[in-house]
Amino acid sequence: MRSLTLAVLFALFGSVSAAADPGPIAITIKDHAFVPAEVKIPAGAKVELTIRNEQAVPAEFESASLHREKVVSPGSAISVYVGPLQRGRYEFFDDFHPATRGVVVVE
């Protein structure tokens, strides 16, 4: 009986953890825009954002609300880990081109 209970608990909590992990989320910087400009992640999960700069000029992924700031050289990619976060909207932008903006939506 005890092993059955443990198996059921493992199945329940193991599947919840797997469902909450979206894996790396790709964001591209192209033509002074983040693509996609909005990404959704689950509340309480640590998530990797992979930001690729497809421009001929440097860009900077910056977010005061996410406490992240990282330069992305032309033609390269970086990884930024965020979370676990509470539900809400967390804006980010390219500090070199402030009109280039995006948002992480935590649900």
N, C-alpha and C. Protein backbone atom coordinates (compact mmCIF):
# COMPACT_ATOMS: atom_id res chain seq x y z
N MET A 1 0.83 -1.20 0.00
CA MET A 1 0.00 0.00 0.00
C MET A 1 0.87 1.26 0.00
N ARG A 2 1.94 1.22 0.80
CA ARG A 2 2.81 2.39 0.88
C ARG A 2 3.47 2.68 -0.47
N SER A 3 3.92 1.64 -1.17
CA SER A 3 4.56 1.86 -2.46
C SER A 3 3.55 2.38 -3.49
N LEU A 4 2.31 1.94 -3.38
CA LEU A 4 1.27 2.45 -4.28
C LEU A 4 1.03 3.93 -4.03
N THR A 5 0.97 4.33 -2.75
CA THR A 5 0.79 5.74 -2.40
C THR A 5 1.95 6.58 -2.93
N LEU A 6 3.17 6.09 -2.75
CA LEU A 6 4.34 6.82 -3.25
C LEU A 6 4.31 6.92 -4.77
N ALA A 7 3.90 5.87 -5.43
CA ALA A 7 3.83 5.89 -6.89
C ALA A 7 2.80 6.91 -7.37
N VAL A 8 1.66 6.97 -6.69
CA VAL A 8 0.62 7.93 -7.06
C VAL A 8 1.12 9.36 -6.82
N LEU A 9 1.75 9.61 -5.67
CA LEU A 9 2.28 10.94 -5.38
C LEU A 9 3.35 11.34 -6.39
N PHE A 10 4.23 10.42 -6.73
CA PHE A 10 5.27 10.71 -7.72
C PHE A 10 4.64 11.04 -9.07
N ALA A 11 3.65 10.27 -9.46
CA ALA A 11 2.99 10.50 -10.74
C ALA A 11 2.31 11.87 -10.76
N LEU A 12 1.65 12.22 -9.68
CA LEU A 12 0.96 13.52 -9.62
C LEU A 12 1.94 14.68 -9.61
N PHE A 13 2.90 14.65 -8.70
CA PHE A 13 3.82 15.77 -8.57
C PHE A 13 4.87 15.78 -9.67
N GLY A 14 5.25 14.64 -10.16
CA GLY A 14 6.20 14.58 -11.27
C GLY A 14 5.60 15.19 -12.52
N SER A 15 4.32 14.92 -12.79
CA SER A 15 3.69 15.47 -13.99
C SER A 15 3.44 16.96 -13.85
N VAL A 16 3.17 17.44 -12.64
CA VAL A 16 2.98 18.88 -12.43
C VAL A 16 4.28 19.62 -12.71
N SER A 17 5.41 19.09 -12.23
CA SER A 17 6.69 19.73 -12.47
C SER A 17 7.03 19.74 -13.95
N ALA A 18 6.78 18.64 -14.63
CA ALA A 18 7.09 18.57 -16.05
C ALA A 18 6.22 19.55 -16.84
N ALA A 19 4.96 19.68 -16.46
CA ALA A 19 4.06 20.59 -17.17
C ALA A 19 4.45 22.04 -16.93
N ALA A 20 5.03 22.34 -15.76
CA ALA A 20 5.38 23.72 -15.44
C ALA A 20 6.68 24.15 -16.11
N ASP A 21 7.47 23.22 -16.63
CA ASP A 21 8.75 23.54 -17.26
C ASP A 21 8.56 23.70 -18.76
N PRO A 22 8.53 24.94 -19.26
CA PRO A 22 8.31 25.13 -20.69
C PRO A 22 9.56 24.91 -21.54
N GLY A 23 10.71 24.69 -20.91
CA GLY A 23 11.95 24.57 -21.67
C GLY A 23 12.41 25.95 -22.12
N PRO A 24 13.53 26.02 -22.86
CA PRO A 24 14.02 27.33 -23.30
C PRO A 24 13.01 28.03 -24.22
N ILE A 25 12.90 29.34 -24.06
CA ILE A 25 12.01 30.14 -24.90
C ILE A 25 12.88 31.03 -25.77
N ALA A 26 12.71 30.93 -27.08
CA ALA A 26 13.52 31.68 -28.03
C ALA A 26 12.90 33.04 -28.34
N ILE A 27 13.73 34.07 -28.26
CA ILE A 27 13.35 35.42 -28.65
C ILE A 27 14.41 35.92 -29.63
N THR A 28 13.97 36.48 -30.74
CA THR A 28 14.89 37.00 -31.74
C THR A 28 14.79 38.52 -31.78
N ILE A 29 15.93 39.18 -31.94
CA ILE A 29 15.94 40.63 -32.16
C ILE A 29 16.23 40.82 -33.64
N LYS A 30 15.26 41.40 -34.34
CA LYS A 30 15.36 41.55 -35.79
C LYS A 30 14.66 42.85 -36.19
N ASP A 31 15.32 43.66 -37.01
CA ASP A 31 14.74 44.93 -37.47
C ASP A 31 14.28 45.79 -36.29
N HIS A 32 15.08 45.83 -35.24
CA HIS A 32 14.81 46.61 -34.02
C HIS A 32 13.46 46.23 -33.39
N ALA A 33 13.20 44.92 -33.35
CA ALA A 33 11.98 44.41 -32.70
C ALA A 33 12.29 43.06 -32.06
N PHE A 34 11.65 42.79 -30.93
CA PHE A 34 11.72 41.47 -30.31
C PHE A 34 10.64 40.60 -30.95
N VAL A 35 11.02 39.40 -31.37
CA VAL A 35 10.07 38.47 -31.99
C VAL A 35 10.16 37.14 -31.26
N PRO A 36 9.11 36.72 -30.55
CA PRO A 36 7.86 37.44 -30.32
C PRO A 36 8.07 38.57 -29.30
N ALA A 37 7.20 39.55 -29.34
CA ALA A 37 7.28 40.67 -28.41
C ALA A 37 6.67 40.32 -27.05
N GLU A 38 5.90 39.25 -27.00
CA GLU A 38 5.29 38.80 -25.75
C GLU A 38 5.51 37.30 -25.60
N VAL A 39 6.07 36.91 -24.46
CA VAL A 39 6.23 35.49 -24.16
C VAL A 39 5.52 35.18 -22.86
N LYS A 40 4.93 33.99 -22.79
CA LYS A 40 4.19 33.58 -21.59
C LYS A 40 4.95 32.45 -20.91
N ILE A 41 5.05 32.56 -19.58
CA ILE A 41 5.69 31.52 -18.79
C ILE A 41 4.82 31.23 -17.58
N PRO A 42 4.95 30.03 -17.02
CA PRO A 42 4.14 29.70 -15.84
C PRO A 42 4.69 30.34 -14.57
N ALA A 43 3.80 30.71 -13.67
CA ALA A 43 4.20 31.27 -12.38
C ALA A 43 4.97 30.20 -11.60
N GLY A 44 5.98 30.65 -10.88
CA GLY A 44 6.73 29.75 -10.01
C GLY A 44 7.78 28.91 -10.70
N ALA A 45 7.99 29.08 -12.00
CA ALA A 45 8.97 28.27 -12.73
C ALA A 45 10.20 29.10 -13.07
N LYS A 46 11.36 28.45 -13.06
CA LYS A 46 12.58 29.09 -13.55
C LYS A 46 12.66 28.77 -15.04
N VAL A 47 12.86 29.81 -15.86
CA VAL A 47 12.79 29.66 -17.30
C VAL A 47 14.03 30.26 -17.96
N GLU A 48 14.51 29.60 -18.99
CA GLU A 48 15.62 30.11 -19.79
C GLU A 48 15.06 30.84 -21.01
N LEU A 49 15.45 32.10 -21.15
CA LEU A 49 15.14 32.86 -22.36
C LEU A 49 16.41 32.88 -23.20
N THR A 50 16.31 32.46 -24.45
CA THR A 50 17.44 32.51 -25.37
C THR A 50 17.18 33.66 -26.33
N ILE A 51 18.04 34.67 -26.27
CA ILE A 51 17.86 35.85 -27.10
C ILE A 51 18.92 35.87 -28.18
N ARG A 52 18.48 35.84 -29.44
CA ARG A 52 19.38 35.85 -30.60
C ARG A 52 19.26 37.19 -31.31
N ASN A 53 20.41 37.82 -31.56
CA ASN A 53 20.45 39.10 -32.26
C ASN A 53 20.77 38.85 -33.73
N GLU A 54 19.80 39.04 -34.60
CA GLU A 54 19.99 38.84 -36.04
C GLU A 54 20.26 40.16 -36.76
N GLN A 55 20.66 41.16 -36.02
CA GLN A 55 20.95 42.47 -36.60
C GLN A 55 22.45 42.62 -36.82
N ALA A 56 22.82 43.67 -37.54
CA ALA A 56 24.23 43.97 -37.79
C ALA A 56 24.82 44.87 -36.70
N VAL A 57 24.00 45.24 -35.72
CA VAL A 57 24.44 46.11 -34.63
C VAL A 57 24.17 45.42 -33.29
N PRO A 58 24.93 45.78 -32.25
CA PRO A 58 24.68 45.18 -30.94
C PRO A 58 23.31 45.59 -30.39
N ALA A 59 22.81 44.76 -29.50
CA ALA A 59 21.56 45.04 -28.79
C ALA A 59 21.80 44.73 -27.32
N GLU A 60 20.92 45.22 -26.47
CA GLU A 60 21.04 44.91 -25.04
C GLU A 60 19.67 44.52 -24.50
N PHE A 61 19.58 43.28 -24.00
CA PHE A 61 18.37 42.83 -23.33
C PHE A 61 18.43 43.39 -21.92
N GLU A 62 17.46 44.25 -21.59
CA GLU A 62 17.45 44.86 -20.26
C GLU A 62 16.04 44.86 -19.69
N SER A 63 15.96 44.61 -18.38
CA SER A 63 14.68 44.64 -17.69
C SER A 63 14.91 44.98 -16.22
N ALA A 64 14.37 46.12 -15.80
CA ALA A 64 14.46 46.49 -14.39
C ALA A 64 13.64 45.54 -13.53
N SER A 65 12.45 45.16 -14.02
CA SER A 65 11.57 44.30 -13.22
C SER A 65 12.08 42.86 -13.12
N LEU A 66 12.86 42.42 -14.12
CA LEU A 66 13.45 41.08 -14.08
C LEU A 66 14.87 41.10 -13.50
N HIS A 67 15.41 42.30 -13.29
CA HIS A 67 16.77 42.47 -12.77
C HIS A 67 17.80 41.81 -13.68
N ARG A 68 17.68 42.06 -14.99
CA ARG A 68 18.59 41.47 -15.97
C ARG A 68 19.05 42.55 -16.94
N GLU A 69 20.32 42.44 -17.36
CA GLU A 69 20.89 43.36 -18.34
C GLU A 69 22.05 42.62 -19.01
N LYS A 70 21.95 42.42 -20.32
CA LYS A 70 22.98 41.66 -21.02
C LYS A 70 23.08 42.12 -22.47
N VAL A 71 24.31 42.38 -22.92
CA VAL A 71 24.56 42.78 -24.30
C VAL A 71 24.53 41.54 -25.19
N VAL A 72 23.91 41.71 -26.38
CA VAL A 72 23.85 40.63 -27.37
C VAL A 72 24.56 41.14 -28.62
N SER A 73 25.72 40.57 -28.90
CA SER A 73 26.50 40.99 -30.06
C SER A 73 25.78 40.62 -31.36
N PRO A 74 26.09 41.32 -32.45
CA PRO A 74 25.47 40.99 -33.73
C PRO A 74 25.73 39.53 -34.12
N GLY A 75 24.69 38.85 -34.55
CA GLY A 75 24.81 37.46 -35.00
C GLY A 75 25.03 36.44 -33.90
N SER A 76 24.88 36.83 -32.64
CA SER A 76 25.10 35.88 -31.55
C SER A 76 23.84 35.73 -30.70
N ALA A 77 23.94 34.83 -29.72
CA ALA A 77 22.80 34.57 -28.83
C ALA A 77 23.31 34.51 -27.39
N ILE A 78 22.42 34.82 -26.47
CA ILE A 78 22.70 34.73 -25.04
C ILE A 78 21.56 33.99 -24.36
N SER A 79 21.82 33.51 -23.16
CA SER A 79 20.76 32.92 -22.35
C SER A 79 20.59 33.76 -21.10
N VAL A 80 19.33 33.99 -20.74
CA VAL A 80 18.98 34.72 -19.53
C VAL A 80 17.99 33.85 -18.77
N TYR A 81 18.27 33.60 -17.50
CA TYR A 81 17.36 32.81 -16.67
C TYR A 81 16.53 33.75 -15.82
N VAL A 82 15.22 33.52 -15.81
CA VAL A 82 14.31 34.33 -15.00
C VAL A 82 13.46 33.40 -14.15
N GLY A 83 13.03 33.94 -13.02
CA GLY A 83 12.13 33.18 -12.16
C GLY A 83 12.86 32.47 -11.05
N PRO A 84 12.03 31.85 -10.24
CA PRO A 84 10.57 31.79 -10.31
C PRO A 84 9.94 33.16 -10.05
N LEU A 85 8.88 33.44 -10.79
CA LEU A 85 8.22 34.74 -10.73
C LEU A 85 6.75 34.59 -10.32
N GLN A 86 6.22 35.65 -9.75
CA GLN A 86 4.79 35.70 -9.45
C GLN A 86 4.05 36.15 -10.70
N ARG A 87 2.75 35.89 -10.72
CA ARG A 87 1.92 36.31 -11.86
C ARG A 87 2.06 37.81 -12.09
N GLY A 88 2.07 38.19 -13.37
CA GLY A 88 2.18 39.60 -13.71
C GLY A 88 2.85 39.80 -15.05
N ARG A 89 3.15 41.06 -15.35
CA ARG A 89 3.80 41.44 -16.61
C ARG A 89 5.16 42.05 -16.27
N TYR A 90 6.18 41.58 -16.96
CA TYR A 90 7.55 42.02 -16.74
C TYR A 90 8.10 42.53 -18.07
N GLU A 91 8.28 43.84 -18.17
CA GLU A 91 8.72 44.43 -19.43
C GLU A 91 10.23 44.32 -19.60
N PHE A 92 10.65 44.22 -20.86
CA PHE A 92 12.07 44.26 -21.21
C PHE A 92 12.24 45.14 -22.45
N PHE A 93 13.48 45.58 -22.69
CA PHE A 93 13.72 46.46 -23.84
C PHE A 93 15.18 46.36 -24.26
N ASP A 94 15.47 46.94 -25.41
CA ASP A 94 16.84 47.04 -25.91
C ASP A 94 17.34 48.41 -25.48
N ASP A 95 18.28 48.44 -24.55
CA ASP A 95 18.76 49.71 -24.01
C ASP A 95 19.44 50.57 -25.07
N PHE A 96 19.97 49.95 -26.14
CA PHE A 96 20.60 50.71 -27.21
C PHE A 96 19.55 51.32 -28.15
N HIS A 97 18.36 50.74 -28.16
CA HIS A 97 17.24 51.21 -29.00
C HIS A 97 15.98 51.11 -28.14
N PRO A 98 15.73 52.08 -27.25
CA PRO A 98 14.66 51.98 -26.25
C PRO A 98 13.25 51.77 -26.78
N ALA A 99 13.01 52.05 -28.05
CA ALA A 99 11.67 51.80 -28.61
C ALA A 99 11.44 50.31 -28.84
N THR A 100 12.51 49.52 -28.83
CA THR A 100 12.40 48.07 -29.01
C THR A 100 12.02 47.47 -27.67
N ARG A 101 10.78 46.98 -27.57
CA ARG A 101 10.25 46.53 -26.28
C ARG A 101 9.53 45.20 -26.39
N GLY A 102 9.47 44.51 -25.26
CA GLY A 102 8.74 43.26 -25.16
C GLY A 102 8.27 43.05 -23.73
N VAL A 103 7.57 41.93 -23.51
CA VAL A 103 7.05 41.66 -22.18
C VAL A 103 7.01 40.15 -21.92
N VAL A 104 7.35 39.79 -20.70
CA VAL A 104 7.16 38.42 -20.21
C VAL A 104 5.87 38.44 -19.41
N VAL A 105 4.92 37.60 -19.78
CA VAL A 105 3.65 37.49 -19.07
C VAL A 105 3.70 36.20 -18.26
N VAL A 106 3.58 36.34 -16.95
CA VAL A 106 3.62 35.18 -16.06
C VAL A 106 2.19 34.86 -15.65
N GLU A 107 1.78 33.63 -15.97
CA GLU A 107 0.39 33.21 -15.70
C GLU A 107 0.34 32.12 -14.65
